[in-house]
Protein backbone atom coordinates (compact mmCIF):
# COMPACT_ATOMS: atom_id res chain seq x y z
CA MET A 1 -59.13 496.18 96.61
CA LEU A 2 -59.19 498.32 93.51
CA GLN A 3 -57.75 501.21 95.51
CA PHE A 4 -54.37 499.48 95.49
CA SER A 5 -52.32 500.05 92.34
CA ILE A 6 -51.36 496.38 92.06
CA TYR A 7 -55.03 495.46 91.42
CA ALA A 8 -55.91 498.47 89.23
CA ASP A 9 -56.06 496.39 86.03
CA LYS A 10 -58.23 493.68 87.64
CA GLY A 11 -61.50 495.64 87.57
CA GLU A 12 -63.19 493.30 85.11
CA LEU A 13 -62.18 490.25 87.15
CA PHE A 14 -63.67 491.75 90.33
CA GLU A 15 -66.85 492.62 88.43
CA GLN A 16 -67.22 489.04 87.19
CA LEU A 17 -66.61 487.65 90.67
CA ALA A 18 -69.10 490.11 92.18
CA LEU A 19 -71.75 488.88 89.74
CA GLN A 20 -70.91 485.21 90.30
CA ALA A 21 -70.99 485.32 94.12
CA PRO A 22 -74.74 486.09 94.52
CA LEU A 23 -75.63 483.31 92.09
CA ILE A 24 -73.62 480.81 94.10
CA ALA A 25 -75.18 482.07 97.35
CA VAL A 26 -78.74 481.77 96.01
CA GLN A 27 -78.06 478.31 94.61
CA ALA A 28 -76.75 477.26 98.02
CA THR A 29 -80.02 478.29 99.65
CA LYS A 30 -81.82 475.80 97.43
CA GLN A 31 -79.60 472.92 98.58
CA LYS A 32 -79.11 473.71 102.27
CA LYS A 33 -80.30 476.05 104.98
CA VAL A 34 -78.30 479.27 104.99
CA ARG A 35 -78.92 481.24 108.18
CA ASN A 36 -77.18 484.44 107.15
CA LEU A 37 -77.35 485.12 103.41
CA PRO A 38 -75.25 488.34 103.42
CA GLY A 39 -72.58 486.58 105.47
CA TYR A 40 -72.65 483.57 103.18
CA HIS A 41 -72.33 485.89 100.15
CA SER A 42 -69.37 487.62 101.76
CA GLY A 43 -67.66 484.28 102.41
CA VAL A 44 -68.28 483.11 98.85
CA LEU A 45 -66.92 486.36 97.42
CA ARG A 46 -63.86 486.18 99.68
CA GLU A 47 -63.23 482.59 98.57
CA LEU A 48 -63.60 483.47 94.87
CA VAL A 49 -61.25 486.45 95.14
CA GLY A 50 -58.72 484.37 97.06
CA LYS A 51 -58.74 481.62 94.48
CA ALA A 52 -58.60 484.01 91.53
CA LEU A 53 -55.79 486.21 92.83
CA PHE A 54 -53.71 484.04 95.09
CA SER A 55 -53.93 480.54 93.64
CA ASN A 56 -50.59 480.81 91.86
CA ILE A 57 -48.75 482.75 94.55
CA PHE A 58 -46.63 479.77 95.59
CA MET A 59 -45.71 478.99 92.00
CA GLU A 60 -43.97 482.36 91.62
CA TYR A 61 -41.44 481.72 94.38
CA ASP A 62 -38.91 479.01 93.77
CA VAL A 63 -37.13 478.03 96.96
CA GLU A 64 -34.66 475.23 96.54
CA GLY A 65 -33.01 473.31 99.30
CA VAL A 66 -35.59 474.04 101.98
CA PHE A 67 -37.23 470.62 102.01
CA ASN A 68 -34.25 468.56 100.85
């Protein structure tokens, strides 16, 4: 994602998320049976990136009159 210019300044955020995802995946193996650890890691990383980058996406667009 860093190849896109819109995310060029988010390198540190991606680094923090990349370090946090394996910890979450390993902790999950202690609580439940994870059949595919690389796949679980990928899903965790995807979820973290989605929450970090796109959590406020709907707050930026103000559409009035659509649900009234």
